């Protein structure tokens, strides 16, 4: 009798191990499906950097801005790439309108970032019917005054 109990215990152990081994691939598949269903965040860099002058007066003032746009999914990236010349133009015009006084404020870069995002979203809303871009980030913003 003792031998039969050991066989039953061994069988139960093997059965549990097999069930666990089968459940691991199923949980991995469920995780992959969740990742596929979740929107994919992509940062699209506007390349080359935006460079130009701003302000008025006898002395020229320059800016250089490395801009990244946060979008969800490859379809949004395709839309942004398609309208990139219009987006770049809008951003260049925004930077050119800035004054030295406005850019000297403590929170000037954040205000400029928010205004740039707003304008990019407006352009894309007019062209695509939706803002497409979720956020705009300055990877680098250099102002020479």
C-alpha atoms as a PDB file:
ATOM      1  CA  UNK A   1       0.000   0.000   0.000  1.00  0.00           C
ATOM      2  CA  UNK A   2       2.762   2.341   0.752  1.00  0.00           C
ATOM      3  CA  UNK A   3       4.097   2.034  -2.822  1.00  0.00           C
ATOM      4  CA  UNK A   4       0.697   2.877  -4.312  1.00  0.00           C
ATOM      5  CA  UNK A   5       0.431   6.134  -2.294  1.00  0.00           C
ATOM      6  CA  UNK A   6       3.848   7.233  -3.476  1.00  0.00           C
ATOM      7  CA  UNK A   7       2.802   6.580  -7.095  1.00  0.00           C
ATOM      8  CA  UNK A   8      -0.390   8.606  -6.582  1.00  0.00           C
ATOM      9  CA  UNK A   9       1.578  11.494  -5.032  1.00  0.00           C
ATOM     10  CA  UNK A  10       4.077  11.396  -7.908  1.00  0.00           C
ATOM     11  CA  UNK A  11       1.200  11.375 -10.417  1.00  0.00           C
ATOM     12  CA  UNK A  12      -0.397  14.397  -8.734  1.00  0.00           C
ATOM     13  CA  UNK A  13       2.924  16.254  -8.776  1.00  0.00           C
ATOM     14  CA  UNK A  14       3.404  15.529 -12.488  1.00  0.00           C
ATOM     15  CA  UNK A  15      -0.195  16.577 -13.203  1.00  0.00           C
ATOM     16  CA  UNK A  16       0.257  19.889 -11.319  1.00  0.00           C
ATOM     17  CA  UNK A  17       3.542  20.567 -13.111  1.00  0.00           C
ATOM     18  CA  UNK A  18       1.884  19.903 -16.492  1.00  0.00           C
ATOM     19  CA  UNK A  19      -1.016  22.211 -15.674  1.00  0.00           C
ATOM     20  CA  UNK A  20       1.361  24.963 -14.582  1.00  0.00           C
ATOM     21  CA  UNK A  21       3.435  24.541 -17.739  1.00  0.00           C
ATOM     22  CA  UNK A  22       0.315  24.868 -19.879  1.00  0.00           C
ATOM     23  CA  UNK A  23      -0.952  27.932 -18.022  1.00  0.00           C
ATOM     24  CA  UNK A  24       2.272  29.936 -18.540  1.00  0.00           C
ATOM     25  CA  UNK A  25       1.929  30.255 -22.334  1.00  0.00           C
ATOM     26  CA  UNK A  26      -1.728  31.243 -21.907  1.00  0.00           C
ATOM     27  CA  UNK A  27      -0.838  34.051 -19.504  1.00  0.00           C
ATOM     28  CA  UNK A  28       1.924  35.214 -21.868  1.00  0.00           C
ATOM     29  CA  UNK A  29      -0.602  35.284 -24.728  1.00  0.00           C
ATOM     30  CA  UNK A  30      -3.012  37.306 -22.613  1.00  0.00           C
ATOM     31  CA  UNK A  31      -0.247  39.832 -21.823  1.00  0.00           C
ATOM     32  CA  UNK A  32       0.650  40.117 -25.527  1.00  0.00           C
ATOM     33  CA  UNK A  33      -3.004  40.722 -26.412  1.00  0.00           C
ATOM     34  CA  UNK A  34      -3.223  43.460 -23.773  1.00  0.00           C
ATOM     35  CA  UNK A  35      -0.090  45.124 -25.179  1.00  0.00           C
ATOM     36  CA  UNK A  36      -1.470  44.932 -28.711  1.00  0.00           C
ATOM     37  CA  UNK A  37      -4.798  46.420 -27.604  1.00  0.00           C
ATOM     38  CA  UNK A  38      -3.160  49.285 -25.696  1.00  0.00           C
ATOM     39  CA  UNK A  39      -2.284  52.308 -27.832  1.00  0.00           C
ATOM     40  CA  UNK A  40       1.381  52.429 -28.760  1.00  0.00           C
ATOM     41  CA  UNK A  41       3.033  55.689 -27.733  1.00  0.00           C
ATOM     42  CA  UNK A  42       5.521  56.964 -30.307  1.00  0.00           C
ATOM     43  CA  UNK A  43       7.726  60.044 -30.135  1.00  0.00           C
ATOM     44  CA  UNK A  44       8.268  61.522 -33.598  1.00  0.00           C
ATOM     45  CA  UNK A  45      11.247  63.897 -33.792  1.00  0.00           C
ATOM     46  CA  UNK A  46      11.050  66.797 -36.205  1.00  0.00           C
ATOM     47  CA  UNK A  47      14.359  66.587 -38.024  1.00  0.00           C
ATOM     48  CA  UNK A  48      16.295  68.728 -38.707  1.00  0.00           C
ATOM     49  CA  UNK A  49      15.968  71.042 -35.743  1.00  0.00           C
ATOM     50  CA  UNK A  50      14.049  74.281 -36.139  1.00  0.00           C
ATOM     51  CA  UNK A  51      16.470  77.204 -36.405  1.00  0.00           C
ATOM     52  CA  UNK A  52      15.674  80.878 -36.939  1.00  0.00           C
ATOM     53  CA  UNK A  53      15.641  84.331 -35.467  1.00  0.00           C
ATOM     54  CA  UNK A  54      13.129  86.021 -33.183  1.00  0.00           C
ATOM     55  CA  UNK A  55      12.355  89.422 -31.731  1.00  0.00           C
ATOM     56  CA  UNK A  56      13.181  92.797 -33.169  1.00  0.00           C
ATOM     57  CA  UNK A  57      15.851  95.422 -32.729  1.00  0.00           C
ATOM     58  CA  UNK A  58      19.329  96.043 -34.033  1.00  0.00           C
ATOM     59  CA  UNK A  59      20.777  92.812 -32.635  1.00  0.00           C
ATOM     60  CA  UNK A  60      19.674  89.472 -34.108  1.00  0.00           C
ATOM     61  CA  UNK A  61      18.427  86.852 -31.661  1.00  0.00           C
ATOM     62  CA  UNK A  62      18.455  83.190 -32.642  1.00  0.00           C
ATOM     63  CA  UNK A  63      16.733  80.009 -31.490  1.00  0.00           C
ATOM     64  CA  UNK A  64      17.325  76.328 -32.107  1.00  0.00           C
ATOM     65  CA  UNK A  65      14.600  73.904 -31.102  1.00  0.00           C
ATOM     66  CA  UNK A  66      14.705  70.115 -31.220  1.00  0.00           C
ATOM     67  CA  UNK A  67      11.040  69.142 -31.090  1.00  0.00           C
ATOM     68  CA  UNK A  68       9.414  65.749 -30.491  1.00  0.00           C
ATOM     69  CA  UNK A  69       5.721  65.061 -30.974  1.00  0.00           C
ATOM     70  CA  UNK A  70       4.014  62.341 -28.900  1.00  0.00           C
ATOM     71  CA  UNK A  71       1.412  60.373 -30.853  1.00  0.00           C
ATOM     72  CA  UNK A  72      -0.408  57.065 -30.464  1.00  0.00           C
ATOM     73  CA  UNK A  73       0.229  54.476 -33.130  1.00  0.00           C
ATOM     74  CA  UNK A  74       1.811  54.268 -36.556  1.00  0.00           C
ATOM     75  CA  UNK A  75      -1.258  55.772 -38.266  1.00  0.00           C
ATOM     76  CA  UNK A  76      -0.795  58.989 -36.297  1.00  0.00           C
ATOM     77  CA  UNK A  77       2.911  59.064 -37.190  1.00  0.00           C
ATOM     78  CA  UNK A  78       2.008  58.754 -40.868  1.00  0.00           C
ATOM     79  CA  UNK A  79      -0.411  61.690 -40.553  1.00  0.00           C
ATOM     80  CA  UNK A  80       2.199  63.808 -38.781  1.00  0.00           C
ATOM     81  CA  UNK A  81       4.828  62.984 -41.411  1.00  0.00           C
ATOM     82  CA  UNK A  82       2.384  63.874 -44.173  1.00  0.00           C
ATOM     83  CA  UNK A  83       1.679  67.292 -42.619  1.00  0.00           C
ATOM     84  CA  UNK A  84       5.207  67.916 -41.297  1.00  0.00           C
ATOM     85  CA  UNK A  85       5.931  70.854 -43.646  1.00  0.00           C
ATOM     86  CA  UNK A  86       2.795  72.615 -42.397  1.00  0.00           C
ATOM     87  CA  UNK A  87       3.642  71.793 -38.761  1.00  0.00           C
ATOM     88  CA  UNK A  88       7.203  73.091 -39.182  1.00  0.00           C
ATOM     89  CA  UNK A  89       5.929  76.291 -40.803  1.00  0.00           C
ATOM     90  CA  UNK A  90       3.501  76.890 -37.941  1.00  0.00           C
ATOM     91  CA  UNK A  91       6.245  76.385 -35.353  1.00  0.00           C
ATOM     92  CA  UNK A  92       8.727  78.630 -37.192  1.00  0.00           C
ATOM     93  CA  UNK A  93       6.096  81.378 -37.362  1.00  0.00           C
ATOM     94  CA  UNK A  94       5.361  80.974 -33.640  1.00  0.00           C
ATOM     95  CA  UNK A  95       9.052  81.241 -32.695  1.00  0.00           C
ATOM     96  CA  UNK A  96       9.570  84.253 -34.961  1.00  0.00           C
ATOM     97  CA  UNK A  97       6.757  86.119 -33.163  1.00  0.00           C
ATOM     98  CA  UNK A  98       8.376  85.754 -29.738  1.00  0.00           C
ATOM     99  CA  UNK A  99       9.883  88.737 -27.986  1.00  0.00           C
ATOM    100  CA  UNK A 100      12.942  88.801 -25.792  1.00  0.00           C
ATOM    101  CA  UNK A 101      10.819  89.996 -22.865  1.00  0.00           C
ATOM    102  CA  UNK A 102       8.379  87.098 -23.258  1.00  0.00           C
ATOM    103  CA  UNK A 103      11.198  84.543 -23.425  1.00  0.00           C
ATOM    104  CA  UNK A 104      12.917  86.015 -20.352  1.00  0.00           C
ATOM    105  CA  UNK A 105      10.082  85.039 -17.995  1.00  0.00           C
ATOM    106  CA  UNK A 106      10.802  82.175 -15.573  1.00  0.00           C
ATOM    107  CA  UNK A 107       8.177  79.885 -17.112  1.00  0.00           C
ATOM    108  CA  UNK A 108       8.698  81.089 -20.705  1.00  0.00           C
ATOM    109  CA  UNK A 109       9.757  77.734 -22.142  1.00  0.00           C
ATOM    110  CA  UNK A 110       6.731  75.963 -20.696  1.00  0.00           C
ATOM    111  CA  UNK A 111       4.364  78.661 -21.994  1.00  0.00           C
ATOM    112  CA  UNK A 112       6.016  78.420 -25.413  1.00  0.00           C
ATOM    113  CA  UNK A 113       5.741  74.612 -25.353  1.00  0.00           C
ATOM    114  CA  UNK A 114       2.030  74.764 -24.539  1.00  0.00           C
ATOM    115  CA  UNK A 115       1.370  77.343 -27.260  1.00  0.00           C
ATOM    116  CA  UNK A 116       3.339  75.265 -29.784  1.00  0.00           C
ATOM    117  CA  UNK A 117       1.293  72.174 -28.864  1.00  0.00           C
ATOM    118  CA  UNK A 118      -1.936  74.145 -29.198  1.00  0.00           C
ATOM    119  CA  UNK A 119      -0.986  75.416 -32.649  1.00  0.00           C
ATOM    120  CA  UNK A 120       0.148  72.001 -33.898  1.00  0.00           C
ATOM    121  CA  UNK A 121      -3.113  70.472 -32.693  1.00  0.00           C
ATOM    122  CA  UNK A 122      -5.107  73.237 -34.411  1.00  0.00           C
ATOM    123  CA  UNK A 123      -3.318  72.666 -37.713  1.00  0.00           C
ATOM    124  CA  UNK A 124      -3.866  68.916 -37.559  1.00  0.00           C
ATOM    125  CA  UNK A 125      -7.495  69.343 -36.509  1.00  0.00           C
ATOM    126  CA  UNK A 126      -8.105  71.480 -39.591  1.00  0.00           C
ATOM    127  CA  UNK A 127      -6.314  69.020 -41.877  1.00  0.00           C
ATOM    128  CA  UNK A 128      -7.279  65.665 -40.341  1.00  0.00           C
ATOM    129  CA  UNK A 129     -10.393  66.416 -38.294  1.00  0.00           C
ATOM    130  CA  UNK A 130      -8.633  65.472 -35.046  1.00  0.00           C
ATOM    131  CA  UNK A 131      -5.613  66.821 -33.140  1.00  0.00           C
ATOM    132  CA  UNK A 132      -3.532  63.593 -33.653  1.00  0.00           C
ATOM    133  CA  UNK A 133      -0.624  64.922 -31.493  1.00  0.00           C
ATOM    134  CA  UNK A 134      -1.010  64.314 -27.755  1.00  0.00           C
ATOM    135  CA  UNK A 135       1.974  66.298 -26.549  1.00  0.00           C
ATOM    136  CA  UNK A 136       4.897  68.357 -27.775  1.00  0.00           C
ATOM    137  CA  UNK A 137       8.285  68.226 -26.095  1.00  0.00           C
ATOM    138  CA  UNK A 138      11.425  70.285 -26.474  1.00  0.00           C
ATOM    139  CA  UNK A 139      14.345  67.878 -26.481  1.00  0.00           C
ATOM    140  CA  UNK A 140      16.547  70.944 -26.669  1.00  0.00           C
ATOM    141  CA  UNK A 141      15.721  74.647 -26.809  1.00  0.00           C
ATOM    142  CA  UNK A 142      18.569  77.105 -27.191  1.00  0.00           C
ATOM    143  CA  UNK A 143      18.013  80.864 -27.236  1.00  0.00           C
ATOM    144  CA  UNK A 144      20.821  83.236 -28.139  1.00  0.00           C
ATOM    145  CA  UNK A 145      20.029  86.803 -27.161  1.00  0.00           C
END
